[in-house]
Amino acid sequence: MQELRPPGYHPLNQAFGGPFGCKIEEFLDSKGVKWTSMDVVRIGIVDEDIAPVILWIEVKPNTLSREAGSVVVKECKQFLVLNEFPDVEVEIRELAISQP
Protein backbone atom coordinates (compact mmCIF):
# COMPACT_ATOMS: atom_id res chain seq x y z
CA MET A 1 0.00 0.00 0.00
CA GLN A 2 1.27 3.47 -0.84
CA GLU A 3 0.97 6.67 1.14
CA LEU A 4 1.30 10.35 0.35
CA ARG A 5 3.92 12.19 2.39
CA PRO A 6 5.21 15.76 2.67
CA PRO A 7 8.48 16.28 0.79
CA GLY A 8 10.45 17.45 3.80
CA TYR A 9 13.61 19.30 2.95
CA HIS A 10 14.39 19.09 -0.74
CA PRO A 11 15.85 21.82 -2.98
CA LEU A 12 12.84 21.63 -5.34
CA ASN A 13 10.48 22.28 -2.45
CA GLN A 14 12.49 25.40 -1.64
CA ALA A 15 12.64 26.60 -5.27
CA PHE A 16 9.05 25.74 -6.16
CA GLY A 17 7.49 28.76 -4.45
CA GLY A 18 9.70 31.20 -6.36
CA PRO A 19 10.57 31.91 -9.98
CA PHE A 20 11.28 28.25 -10.73
CA GLY A 21 7.65 27.35 -10.00
CA CYS A 22 6.60 29.98 -12.53
CA LYS A 23 8.95 28.40 -15.09
CA ILE A 24 7.22 25.05 -14.62
CA GLU A 25 3.82 26.71 -15.03
CA GLU A 26 5.00 28.41 -18.23
CA PHE A 27 6.40 25.12 -19.51
CA LEU A 28 3.08 23.30 -18.94
CA ASP A 29 1.11 26.18 -20.47
CA SER A 30 3.37 26.11 -23.55
CA LYS A 31 2.47 22.43 -23.98
CA GLY A 32 -1.27 23.18 -23.71
CA VAL A 33 -1.66 21.24 -20.47
CA LYS A 34 -4.89 22.13 -18.66
CA TRP A 35 -3.36 21.78 -15.20
CA THR A 36 -5.23 22.68 -12.03
CA SER A 37 -2.55 22.24 -9.39
CA MET A 38 1.03 21.14 -8.82
CA ASP A 39 2.46 19.73 -5.63
CA VAL A 40 5.86 18.57 -4.48
CA VAL A 41 5.23 15.37 -2.53
CA ARG A 42 6.67 11.99 -1.69
CA ILE A 43 4.73 8.84 -2.51
CA GLY A 44 6.06 5.78 -0.80
CA ILE A 45 5.27 2.33 0.48
CA VAL A 46 3.75 2.28 3.97
CA ASP A 47 6.38 1.47 6.63
CA GLU A 48 9.30 2.10 4.25
CA ASP A 49 11.55 5.02 5.09
CA ILE A 50 12.59 6.04 1.60
CA ALA A 51 10.17 7.60 -0.88
CA PRO A 52 11.00 9.55 -4.03
CA VAL A 53 10.24 13.24 -4.42
CA ILE A 54 7.57 13.73 -7.05
CA LEU A 55 6.30 16.76 -8.92
CA TRP A 56 2.63 15.82 -8.91
CA ILE A 57 0.64 17.61 -11.62
CA GLU A 58 -3.16 17.57 -11.57
CA VAL A 59 -5.00 18.08 -14.87
CA LYS A 60 -8.63 18.68 -15.79
CA PRO A 61 -10.55 15.49 -16.63
CA ASN A 62 -10.41 14.24 -20.22
CA THR A 63 -7.99 16.97 -21.38
CA LEU A 64 -4.79 14.96 -21.73
CA SER A 65 -4.50 11.60 -23.45
CA ARG A 66 -2.25 8.89 -22.07
CA GLU A 67 0.14 9.39 -25.00
CA ALA A 68 0.30 13.19 -24.64
CA GLY A 69 0.64 12.85 -20.86
CA SER A 70 3.59 10.51 -21.33
CA VAL A 71 5.30 13.07 -23.55
CA VAL A 72 4.63 15.85 -21.03
CA VAL A 73 6.05 13.73 -18.19
CA LYS A 74 9.23 12.97 -20.16
CA GLU A 75 9.74 16.59 -21.20
CA CYS A 76 9.01 17.88 -17.70
CA LYS A 77 11.55 15.38 -16.30
CA GLN A 78 14.13 16.66 -18.81
CA PHE A 79 13.33 20.23 -17.73
CA LEU A 80 13.90 19.27 -14.08
CA VAL A 81 17.20 17.54 -14.90
CA LEU A 82 18.41 20.57 -16.86
CA ASN A 83 17.61 22.73 -13.83
CA GLU A 84 19.58 20.49 -11.47
CA PHE A 85 16.73 18.43 -10.00
CA PRO A 86 17.68 15.00 -11.40
CA ASP A 87 16.25 13.04 -8.47
CA VAL A 88 12.67 14.34 -8.88
CA GLU A 89 10.10 12.19 -10.66
CA VAL A 90 7.02 13.55 -12.46
CA GLU A 91 3.52 12.14 -12.27
CA ILE A 92 0.22 13.37 -13.65
CA ARG A 93 -3.12 12.76 -12.02
CA GLU A 94 -6.57 13.63 -13.27
CA LEU A 95 -8.78 15.88 -11.16
CA ALA A 96 -11.31 13.74 -9.35
CA ILE A 97 -14.86 14.99 -9.64
CA SER A 98 -17.14 13.80 -6.88
CA GLN A 99 -20.64 12.76 -7.80
CA PRO A 100 -23.55 13.88 -5.58
PDB file of N, CA and C in Angstrom:
ATOM      1  N   MET A   1       0.843  -1.168   0.000  1.00  0.00           N
ATOM      2  CA  MET A   1       0.000   0.000   0.000  1.00  0.00           C
ATOM      3  C   MET A   1       0.895   1.239   0.000  1.00  0.00           C
ATOM      4  N   GLN A   2       0.506   2.233  -0.770  1.00  0.00           N
ATOM      5  CA  GLN A   2       1.273   3.470  -0.843  1.00  0.00           C
ATOM      6  C   GLN A   2       0.639   4.545   0.025  1.00  0.00           C
ATOM      7  N   GLU A   3       1.478   5.531   0.392  1.00  0.00           N
ATOM      8  CA  GLU A   3       0.974   6.672   1.144  1.00  0.00           C
ATOM      9  C   GLU A   3       1.605   7.952   0.620  1.00  0.00           C
ATOM     10  N   LEU A   4       0.859   9.019   0.732  1.00  0.00           N
ATOM     11  CA  LEU A   4       1.305  10.347   0.349  1.00  0.00           C
ATOM     12  C   LEU A   4       1.990  10.981   1.543  1.00  0.00           C
ATOM     13  N   ARG A   5       3.162  11.582   1.307  1.00  0.00           N
ATOM     14  CA  ARG A   5       3.925  12.192   2.393  1.00  0.00           C
ATOM     15  C   ARG A   5       4.360  13.599   1.999  1.00  0.00           C
ATOM     16  N   PRO A   6       4.626  14.452   2.993  1.00  0.00           N
ATOM     17  CA  PRO A   6       5.208  15.756   2.673  1.00  0.00           C
ATOM     18  C   PRO A   6       6.635  15.553   2.167  1.00  0.00           C
ATOM     19  N   PRO A   7       7.148  16.478   1.359  1.00  0.00           N
ATOM     20  CA  PRO A   7       8.475  16.281   0.788  1.00  0.00           C
ATOM     21  C   PRO A   7       9.612  16.458   1.788  1.00  0.00           C
ATOM     22  N   GLY A   8       9.351  17.158   2.890  1.00  0.00           N
ATOM     23  CA  GLY A   8      10.450  17.452   3.801  1.00  0.00           C
ATOM     24  C   GLY A   8      11.409  18.402   3.121  1.00  0.00           C
ATOM     25  N   TYR A   9      12.640  18.422   3.598  1.00  0.00           N
ATOM     26  CA  TYR A   9      13.608  19.301   2.948  1.00  0.00           C
ATOM     27  C   TYR A   9      14.054  18.687   1.626  1.00  0.00           C
ATOM     28  N   HIS A  10      13.874  19.437   0.576  1.00  0.00           N
ATOM     29  CA  HIS A  10      14.388  19.086  -0.742  1.00  0.00           C
ATOM     30  C   HIS A  10      14.555  20.399  -1.505  1.00  0.00           C
ATOM     31  N   PRO A  11      15.628  20.556  -2.258  1.00  0.00           N
ATOM     32  CA  PRO A  11      15.846  21.817  -2.984  1.00  0.00           C
ATOM     33  C   PRO A  11      14.678  22.233  -3.879  1.00  0.00           C
ATOM     34  N   LEU A  12      13.983  21.270  -4.502  1.00  0.00           N
ATOM     35  CA  LEU A  12      12.841  21.633  -5.344  1.00  0.00           C
ATOM     36  C   LEU A  12      11.743  22.263  -4.505  1.00  0.00           C
ATOM     37  N   ASN A  13      11.511  21.722  -3.330  1.00  0.00           N
ATOM     38  CA  ASN A  13      10.483  22.280  -2.448  1.00  0.00           C
ATOM     39  C   ASN A  13      10.799  23.741  -2.134  1.00  0.00           C
ATOM     40  N   GLN A  14      12.074  24.039  -1.940  1.00  0.00           N
ATOM     41  CA  GLN A  14      12.492  25.402  -1.640  1.00  0.00           C
ATOM     42  C   GLN A  14      12.339  26.309  -2.866  1.00  0.00           C
ATOM     43  N   ALA A  15      12.670  25.796  -4.053  1.00  0.00           N
ATOM     44  CA  ALA A  15      12.641  26.598  -5.275  1.00  0.00           C
ATOM     45  C   ALA A  15      11.244  26.740  -5.856  1.00  0.00           C
ATOM     46  N   PHE A  16      10.363  25.817  -5.524  1.00  0.00           N
ATOM     47  CA  PHE A  16       9.054  25.737  -6.165  1.00  0.00           C
ATOM     48  C   PHE A  16       8.209  26.979  -5.932  1.00  0.00           C
ATOM     49  N   GLY A  17       8.308  27.584  -4.754  1.00  0.00           N
ATOM     50  CA  GLY A  17       7.491  28.757  -4.449  1.00  0.00           C
ATOM     51  C   GLY A  17       7.976  30.037  -5.096  1.00  0.00           C
ATOM     52  N   GLY A  18       9.134  30.008  -5.745  1.00  0.00           N
ATOM     53  CA  GLY A  18       9.703  31.199  -6.364  1.00  0.00           C
ATOM     54  C   GLY A  18       9.610  31.166  -7.869  1.00  0.00           C
ATOM     55  N   PRO A  19      10.578  31.818  -8.513  1.00  0.00           N
ATOM     56  CA  PRO A  19      10.570  31.905  -9.979  1.00  0.00           C
ATOM     57  C   PRO A  19      10.604  30.552 -10.687  1.00  0.00           C
ATOM     58  N   PHE A  20      11.221  29.551 -10.070  1.00  0.00           N
ATOM     59  CA  PHE A  20      11.276  28.249 -10.730  1.00  0.00           C
ATOM     60  C   PHE A  20       9.882  27.652 -10.885  1.00  0.00           C
ATOM     61  N   GLY A  21       9.030  27.828  -9.882  1.00  0.00           N
ATOM     62  CA  GLY A  21       7.653  27.353  -9.995  1.00  0.00           C
ATOM     63  C   GLY A  21       6.939  27.991 -11.173  1.00  0.00           C
ATOM     64  N   CYS A  22       7.198  29.285 -11.394  1.00  0.00           N
ATOM     65  CA  CYS A  22       6.601  29.981 -12.534  1.00  0.00           C
ATOM     66  C   CYS A  22       7.119  29.414 -13.853  1.00  0.00           C
ATOM     67  N   LYS A  23       8.390  29.006 -13.878  1.00  0.00           N
ATOM     68  CA  LYS A  23       8.949  28.400 -15.089  1.00  0.00           C
ATOM     69  C   LYS A  23       8.238  27.086 -15.411  1.00  0.00           C
ATOM     70  N   ILE A  24       7.939  26.318 -14.388  1.00  0.00           N
ATOM     71  CA  ILE A  24       7.219  25.054 -14.616  1.00  0.00           C
ATOM     72  C   ILE A  24       5.818  25.348 -15.135  1.00  0.00           C
ATOM     73  N   GLU A  25       5.143  26.330 -14.553  1.00  0.00           N
ATOM     74  CA  GLU A  25       3.815  26.710 -15.033  1.00  0.00           C
ATOM     75  C   GLU A  25       3.873  27.134 -16.496  1.00  0.00           C
ATOM     76  N   GLU A  26       4.852  27.956 -16.850  1.00  0.00           N
ATOM     77  CA  GLU A  26       5.003  28.415 -18.234  1.00  0.00           C
ATOM     78  C   GLU A  26       5.273  27.239 -19.170  1.00  0.00           C
ATOM     79  N   PHE A  27       6.094  26.302 -18.708  1.00  0.00           N
ATOM     80  CA  PHE A  27       6.397  25.120 -19.513  1.00  0.00           C
ATOM     81  C   PHE A  27       5.116  24.331 -19.799  1.00  0.00           C
ATOM     82  N   LEU A  28       4.322  24.055 -18.750  1.00  0.00           N
ATOM     83  CA  LEU A  28       3.083  23.299 -18.937  1.00  0.00           C
ATOM     84  C   LEU A  28       2.106  24.053 -19.829  1.00  0.00           C
ATOM     85  N   ASP A  29       1.994  25.373 -19.624  1.00  0.00           N
ATOM     86  CA  ASP A  29       1.106  26.178 -20.465  1.00  0.00           C
ATOM     87  C   ASP A  29       1.541  26.125 -21.932  1.00  0.00           C
ATOM     88  N   SER A  30       2.865  26.149 -22.170  1.00  0.00           N
ATOM     89  CA  SER A  30       3.369  26.108 -23.550  1.00  0.00           C
ATOM     90  C   SER A  30       3.034  24.789 -24.235  1.00  0.00           C
ATOM     91  N   LYS A  31       2.833  23.743 -23.450  1.00  0.00           N
ATOM     92  CA  LYS A  31       2.468  22.427 -23.983  1.00  0.00           C
ATOM     93  C   LYS A  31       0.956  22.244 -24.064  1.00  0.00           C
ATOM     94  N   GLY A  32       0.188  23.265 -23.653  1.00  0.00           N
ATOM     95  CA  GLY A  32      -1.269  23.185 -23.713  1.00  0.00           C
ATOM     96  C   GLY A  32      -1.889  22.332 -22.628  1.00  0.00           C
ATOM     97  N   VAL A  33      -1.151  22.077 -21.561  1.00  0.00           N
ATOM     98  CA  VAL A  33      -1.656  21.243 -20.471  1.00  0.00           C
ATOM     99  C   VAL A  33      -2.656  22.045 -19.647  1.00  0.00           C
ATOM    100  N   LYS A  34      -3.833  21.494 -19.454  1.00  0.00           N
ATOM    101  CA  LYS A  34      -4.889  22.133 -18.656  1.00  0.00           C
ATOM    102  C   LYS A  34      -4.729  21.699 -17.196  1.00  0.00           C
ATOM    103  N   TRP A  35      -3.666  22.182 -16.568  1.00  0.00           N
ATOM    104  CA  TRP A  35      -3.362  21.782 -15.203  1.00  0.00           C
ATOM    105  C   TRP A  35      -4.175  22.599 -14.207  1.00  0.00           C
ATOM    106  N   THR A  36      -4.463  21.988 -13.074  1.00  0.00           N
ATOM    107  CA  THR A  36      -5.235  22.677 -12.034  1.00  0.00           C
ATOM    108  C   THR A  36      -4.428  22.893 -10.770  1.00  0.00           C
ATOM    109  N   SER A  37      -3.423  22.046 -10.536  1.00  0.00           N
ATOM    110  CA  SER A  37      -2.546  22.239  -9.387  1.00  0.00           C
ATOM    111  C   SER A  37      -1.261  21.457  -9.595  1.00  0.00           C
ATOM    112  N   MET A  38      -0.237  21.856  -8.844  1.00  0.00           N
ATOM    113  CA  MET A  38       1.035  21.139  -8.824  1.00  0.00           C
ATOM    114  C   MET A  38       1.483  21.069  -7.379  1.00  0.00           C
ATOM    115  N   ASP A  39       1.993  19.930  -6.997  1.00  0.00           N
ATOM    116  CA  ASP A  39       2.460  19.729  -5.628  1.00  0.00           C
ATOM    117  C   ASP A  39       3.795  19.006  -5.659  1.00  0.00           C
ATOM    118  N   VAL A  40       4.632  19.325  -4.690  1.00  0.00           N
ATOM    119  CA  VAL A  40       5.865  18.574  -4.481  1.00  0.00           C
ATOM    120  C   VAL A  40       5.576  17.655  -3.295  1.00  0.00           C
ATOM    121  N   VAL A  41       5.611  16.356  -3.546  1.00  0.00           N
ATOM    122  CA  VAL A  41       5.234  15.366  -2.535  1.00  0.00           C
ATOM    123  C   VAL A  41       6.210  14.195  -2.577  1.00  0.00           C
ATOM    124  N   ARG A  42       6.033  13.303  -1.643  1.00  0.00           N
ATOM    125  CA  ARG A  42       6.672  11.991  -1.695  1.00  0.00           C
ATOM    126  C   ARG A  42       5.543  10.964  -1.690  1.00  0.00           C
ATOM    127  N   ILE A  43       5.685   9.947  -2.509  1.00  0.00           N
ATOM    128  CA  ILE A  43       4.728   8.844  -2.508  1.00  0.00           C
ATOM    129  C   ILE A  43       5.551   7.585  -2.273  1.00  0.00           C
ATOM    130  N   GLY A  44       5.263   6.934  -1.164  1.00  0.00           N
ATOM    131  CA  GLY A  44       6.061   5.775  -0.804  1.00  0.00           C
ATOM    132  C   GLY A  44       5.229   4.623  -0.283  1.00  0.00           C
ATOM    133  N   ILE A  45       5.890   3.534  -0.069  1.00  0.00           N
ATOM    134  CA  ILE A  45       5.272   2.333   0.483  1.00  0.00           C
ATOM    135  C   ILE A  45       5.141   2.514   1.996  1.00  0.00           C
ATOM    136  N   VAL A  46       3.982   2.190   2.536  1.00  0.00           N
ATOM    137  CA  VAL A  46       3.750   2.279   3.973  1.00  0.00           C
ATOM    138  C   VAL A  46       4.834   1.495   4.705  1.00  0.00           C
ATOM    139  N   ASP A  47       5.351   2.070   5.766  1.00  0.00           N
ATOM    140  CA  ASP A  47       6.380   1.475   6.629  1.00  0.00           C
ATOM    141  C   ASP A  47       7.770   1.393   5.997  1.00  0.00           C
ATOM    142  N   GLU A  48       7.961   1.988   4.820  1.00  0.00           N
ATOM    143  CA  GLU A  48       9.304   2.098   4.253  1.00  0.00           C
ATOM    144  C   GLU A  48       9.773   3.531   4.425  1.00  0.00           C
ATOM    145  N   ASP A  49      11.033   3.693   4.794  1.00  0.00           N
ATOM    146  CA  ASP A  49      11.554   5.023   5.095  1.00  0.00           C
ATOM    147  C   ASP A  49      11.794   5.880   3.852  1.00  0.00           C
ATOM    148  N   ILE A  50      12.190   5.276   2.777  1.00  0.00           N
ATOM    149  CA  ILE A  50      12.592   6.043   1.601  1.00  0.00           C
ATOM    150  C   ILE A  50      11.428   6.131   0.612  1.00  0.00           C
ATOM    151  N   ALA A  51      11.199   7.364   0.142  1.00  0.00           N
ATOM    152  CA  ALA A  51      10.174   7.595  -0.875  1.00  0.00           C
ATOM    153  C   ALA A  51      10.682   8.695  -1.805  1.00  0.00           C
ATOM    154  N   PRO A  52      10.494   8.536  -3.105  1.00  0.00           N
ATOM    155  CA  PRO A  52      11.003   9.546  -4.033  1.00  0.00           C
ATOM    156  C   PRO A  52      10.216  10.856  -3.954  1.00  0.00           C
ATOM    157  N   VAL A  53      10.909  11.948  -4.284  1.00  0.00           N
ATOM    158  CA  VAL A  53      10.244  13.242  -4.419  1.00  0.00           C
ATOM    159  C   VAL A  53       9.590  13.268  -5.791  1.00  0.00           C
ATOM    160  N   ILE A  54       8.353  13.734  -5.820  1.00  0.00           N
ATOM    161  CA  ILE A  54       7.569  13.731  -7.055  1.00  0.00           C
ATOM    162  C   ILE A  54       6.950  15.103  -7.280  1.00  0.00           C
ATOM    163  N   LEU A  55       7.074  15.597  -8.503  1.00  0.00           N
ATOM    164  CA  LEU A  55       6.299  16.756  -8.916  1.00  0.00           C
ATOM    165  C   LEU A  55       4.985  16.183  -9.426  1.00  0.00           C
ATOM    166  N   TRP A  56       3.927  16.424  -8.658  1.00  0.00           N
ATOM    167  CA  TRP A  56       2.626  15.818  -8.911  1.00  0.00           C
ATOM    168  C   TRP A  56       1.733  16.854  -9.569  1.00  0.00           C
ATOM    169  N   ILE A  57       1.395  16.638 -10.828  1.00  0.00           N
ATOM    170  CA  ILE A  57       0.638  17.606 -11.619  1.00  0.00           C
ATOM    171  C   ILE A  57      -0.787  17.092 -11.787  1.00  0.00           C
ATOM    172  N   GLU A  58      -1.747  17.930 -11.404  1.00  0.00           N
ATOM    173  CA  GLU A  58      -3.159  17.568 -11.565  1.00  0.00           C
ATOM    174  C   GLU A  58      -3.698  18.269 -12.806  1.00  0.00           C
ATOM    175  N   VAL A  59      -4.421  17.527 -13.650  1.00  0.00           N
ATOM    176  CA  VAL A  59      -5.000  18.083 -14.870  1.00  0.00           C
ATOM    177  C   VAL A  59      -6.519  17.932 -14.852  1.00  0.00           C
ATOM    178  N   LYS A  60      -7.169  18.766 -15.660  1.00  0.00           N
ATOM    179  CA  LYS A  60      -8.628  18.677 -15.793  1.00  0.00           C
ATOM    180  C   LYS A  60      -8.992  17.350 -16.454  1.00  0.00           C
ATOM    181  N   PRO A  61     -10.134  16.781 -16.064  1.00  0.00           N
ATOM    182  CA  PRO A  61     -10.549  15.490 -16.628  1.00  0.00           C
ATOM    183  C   PRO A  61     -10.673  15.531 -18.149  1.00  0.00           C
ATOM    184  N   ASN A  62     -10.246  14.455 -18.771  1.00  0.00           N
ATOM    185  CA  ASN A  62     -10.407  14.244 -20.216  1.00  0.00           C
ATOM    186  C   ASN A  62      -9.761  15.331 -21.074  1.00  0.00           C
ATOM    187  N   THR A  63      -8.668  15.927 -20.588  1.00  0.00           N
ATOM    188  CA  THR A  63      -7.994  16.968 -21.378  1.00  0.00           C
ATOM    189  C   THR A  63      -6.608  16.549 -21.845  1.00  0.00           C
ATOM    190  N   LEU A  64      -6.136  15.386 -21.383  1.00  0.00           N
ATOM    191  CA  LEU A  64      -4.787  14.956 -21.727  1.00  0.00           C
ATOM    192  C   LEU A  64      -4.809  13.444 -21.939  1.00  0.00           C
ATOM    193  N   SER A  65      -4.518  13.043 -23.163  1.00  0.00           N
ATOM    194  CA  SER A  65      -4.500  11.599 -23.453  1.00  0.00           C
ATOM    195  C   SER A  65      -3.310  10.953 -22.764  1.00  0.00           C
ATOM    196  N   ARG A  66      -3.357   9.649 -22.664  1.00  0.00           N
ATOM    197  CA  ARG A  66      -2.246   8.893 -22.075  1.00  0.00           C
ATOM    198  C   ARG A  66      -0.952   9.163 -22.848  1.00  0.00           C
ATOM    199  N   GLU A  67      -1.041   9.176 -24.173  1.00  0.00           N
ATOM    200  CA  GLU A  67       0.144   9.391 -25.001  1.00  0.00           C
ATOM    201  C   GLU A  67       0.704  10.793 -24.804  1.00  0.00           C
ATOM    202  N   ALA A  68      -0.157  11.813 -24.831  1.00  0.00           N
ATOM    203  CA  ALA A  68       0.298  13.188 -24.638  1.00  0.00           C
ATOM    204  C   ALA A  68       0.820  13.384 -23.222  1.00  0.00           C
ATOM    205  N   GLY A  69       0.179  12.756 -22.255  1.00  0.00           N
ATOM    206  CA  GLY A  69       0.637  12.848 -20.864  1.00  0.00           C
ATOM    207  C   GLY A  69       2.018  12.247 -20.699  1.00  0.00           C
ATOM    208  N   SER A  70       2.277  11.145 -21.378  1.00  0.00           N
ATOM    209  CA  SER A  70       3.593  10.505 -21.326  1.00  0.00           C
ATOM    210  C   SER A  70       4.674  11.434 -21.877  1.00  0.00           C
ATOM    211  N   VAL A  71       4.362  12.112 -22.960  1.00  0.00           N
ATOM    212  CA  VAL A  71       5.302  13.068 -23.547  1.00  0.00           C
ATOM    213  C   VAL A  71       5.554  14.224 -22.574  1.00  0.00           C
ATOM    214  N   VAL A  72       4.495  14.750 -21.978  1.00  0.00           N
ATOM    215  CA  VAL A  72       4.632  15.851 -21.029  1.00  0.00           C
ATOM    216  C   VAL A  72       5.487  15.428 -19.837  1.00  0.00           C
ATOM    217  N   VAL A  73       5.261  14.225 -19.324  1.00  0.00           N
ATOM    218  CA  VAL A  73       6.055  13.735 -18.186  1.00  0.00           C
ATOM    219  C   VAL A  73       7.529  13.662 -18.564  1.00  0.00           C
ATOM    220  N   LYS A  74       7.833  13.093 -19.726  1.00  0.00           N
ATOM    221  CA  LYS A  74       9.228  12.968 -20.161  1.00  0.00           C
ATOM    222  C   LYS A  74       9.882  14.329 -20.335  1.00  0.00           C
ATOM    223  N   GLU A  75       9.175  15.266 -20.968  1.00  0.00           N
ATOM    224  CA  GLU A  75       9.744  16.592 -21.200  1.00  0.00           C
ATOM    225  C   GLU A  75       9.882  17.376 -19.901  1.00  0.00           C
ATOM    226  N   CYS A  76       8.938  17.211 -18.995  1.00  0.00           N
ATOM    227  CA  CYS A  76       9.013  17.883 -17.698  1.00  0.00           C
ATOM    228  C   CYS A  76      10.191  17.325 -16.897  1.00  0.00           C
ATOM    229  N   LYS A  77      10.404  16.013 -16.971  1.00  0.00           N
ATOM    230  CA  LYS A  77      11.548  15.382 -16.301  1.00  0.00           C
ATOM    231  C   LYS A  77      12.847  15.948 -16.865  1.00  0.00           C
ATOM    232  N   GLN A  78      12.944  16.079 -18.186  1.00  0.00           N
ATOM    233  CA  GLN A  78      14.130  16.658 -18.808  1.00  0.00           C
ATOM    234  C   GLN A  78      14.347  18.095 -18.324  1.00  0.00           C
ATOM    235  N   PHE A  79      13.272  18.853 -18.221  1.00  0.00           N
ATOM    236  CA  PHE A  79      13.328  20.226 -17.727  1.00  0.00           C
ATOM    237  C   PHE A  79      13.878  20.252 -16.301  1.00  0.00           C
ATOM    238  N   LEU A  80      13.413  19.343 -15.461  1.00  0.00           N
ATOM    239  CA  LEU A  80      13.903  19.270 -14.081  1.00  0.00           C
ATOM    240  C   LEU A  80      15.385  18.908 -14.046  1.00  0.00           C
ATOM    241  N   VAL A  81      15.787  17.943 -14.857  1.00  0.00           N
ATOM    242  CA  VAL A  81      17.200  17.538 -14.900  1.00  0.00           C
ATOM    243  C   VAL A  81      18.074  18.718 -15.342  1.00  0.00           C
ATOM    244  N   LEU A  82      17.648  19.423 -16.380  1.00  0.00           N
ATOM    245  CA  LEU A  82      18.414  20.573 -16.863  1.00  0.00           C
ATOM    246  C   LEU A  82      18.540  21.677 -15.812  1.00  0.00           C
ATOM    247  N   ASN A  83      17.592  21.707 -14.887  1.00  0.00           N
ATOM    248  CA  ASN A  83      17.607  22.726 -13.834  1.00  0.00           C
ATOM    249  C   ASN A  83      18.121  22.169 -12.503  1.00  0.00           C
ATOM    250  N   GLU A  84      18.866  21.072 -12.602  1.00  0.00           N
ATOM    251  CA  GLU A  84      19.581  20.491 -11.468  1.00  0.00           C
ATOM    252  C   GLU A  84      18.682  19.849 -10.404  1.00  0.00           C
ATOM    253  N   PHE A  85      17.595  19.225 -10.864  1.00  0.00           N
ATOM    254  CA  PHE A  85      16.732  18.429  -9.995  1.00  0.00           C
ATOM    255  C   PHE A  85      16.598  17.016 -10.577  1.00  0.00           C
ATOM    256  N   PRO A  86      17.724  16.291 -10.729  1.00  0.00           N
ATOM    257  CA  PRO A  86      17.684  14.996 -11.403  1.00  0.00           C
ATOM    258  C   PRO A  86      16.994  13.890 -10.611  1.00  0.00           C
ATOM    259  N   ASP A  87      16.825  14.091  -9.314  1.00  0.00           N
ATOM    260  CA  ASP A  87      16.246  13.038  -8.473  1.00  0.00           C
ATOM    261  C   ASP A  87      14.736  13.167  -8.307  1.00  0.00           C
ATOM    262  N   VAL A  88      14.119  14.112  -9.006  1.00  0.00           N
ATOM    263  CA  VAL A  88      12.674  14.338  -8.883  1.00  0.00           C
ATOM    264  C   VAL A  88      11.955  13.625 -10.018  1.00  0.00           C
ATOM    265  N   GLU A  89      10.935  12.855  -9.675  1.00  0.00           N
ATOM    266  CA  GLU A  89      10.097  12.186 -10.664  1.00  0.00           C
ATOM    267  C   GLU A  89       8.894  13.080 -10.975  1.00  0.00           C
ATOM    268  N   VAL A  90       8.200  12.783 -12.050  1.00  0.00           N
ATOM    269  CA  VAL A  90       7.023  13.555 -12.464  1.00  0.00           C
ATOM    270  C   VAL A  90       5.865  12.587 -12.649  1.00  0.00           C
ATOM    271  N   GLU A  91       4.732  12.929 -12.077  1.00  0.00           N
ATOM    272  CA  GLU A  91       3.520  12.135 -12.268  1.00  0.00           C
ATOM    273  C   GLU A  91       2.356  13.080 -12.536  1.00  0.00           C
ATOM    274  N   ILE A  92       1.425  12.605 -13.340  1.00  0.00           N
ATOM    275  CA  ILE A  92       0.218  13.373 -13.652  1.00  0.00           C
ATOM    276  C   ILE A  92      -0.974  12.611 -13.101  1.00  0.00           C
ATOM    277  N   ARG A  93      -1.877  13.357 -12.487  1.00  0.00           N
ATOM    278  CA  ARG A  93      -3.122  12.759 -12.016  1.00  0.00           C
ATOM    279  C   ARG A  93      -4.271  13.591 -12.573  1.00  0.00           C
ATOM    280  N   GLU A  94      -5.394  12.939 -12.765  1.00  0.00           N
ATOM    281  CA  GLU A  94      -6.568  13.633 -13.274  1.00  0.00           C
ATOM    282  C   GLU A  94      -7.422  14.094 -12.099  1.00  0.00           C
ATOM    283  N   LEU A  95      -7.920  15.310 -12.197  1.00  0.00           N
ATOM    284  CA  LEU A  95      -8.780  15.877 -11.163  1.00  0.00           C
ATOM    285  C   LEU A  95      -9.973  14.963 -10.937  1.00  0.00           C
ATOM    286  N   ALA A  96     -10.171  14.588  -9.695  1.00  0.00           N
ATOM    287  CA  ALA A  96     -11.311  13.740  -9.352  1.00  0.00           C
ATOM    288  C   ALA A  96     -12.537  14.608  -9.140  1.00  0.00           C
ATOM    289  N   ILE A  97     -13.603  14.249  -9.792  1.00  0.00           N
ATOM    290  CA  ILE A  97     -14.855  14.988  -9.643  1.00  0.00           C
ATOM    291  C   ILE A  97     -15.800  14.109  -8.854  1.00  0.00           C
ATOM    292  N   SER A  98     -16.232  14.602  -7.695  1.00  0.00           N
ATOM    293  CA  SER A  98     -17.141  13.803  -6.881  1.00  0.00           C
ATOM    294  C   SER A  98     -18.563  13.907  -7.413  1.00  0.00           C
ATOM    295  N   GLN A  99     -19.241  12.819  -7.371  1.00  0.00           N
ATOM    296  CA  GLN A  99     -20.637  12.756  -7.798  1.00  0.00           C
ATOM    297  C   GLN A  99     -21.553  12.929  -6.589  1.00  0.00           C
ATOM    298  N   PRO A 100     -22.631  13.707  -6.734  1.00  0.00           N
ATOM    299  CA  PRO A 100     -23.549  13.877  -5.584  1.00  0.00           C
ATOM    300  C   PRO A 100     -24.288  12.608  -5.242  1.00  0.00           C
TER     301      PRO A 100
END
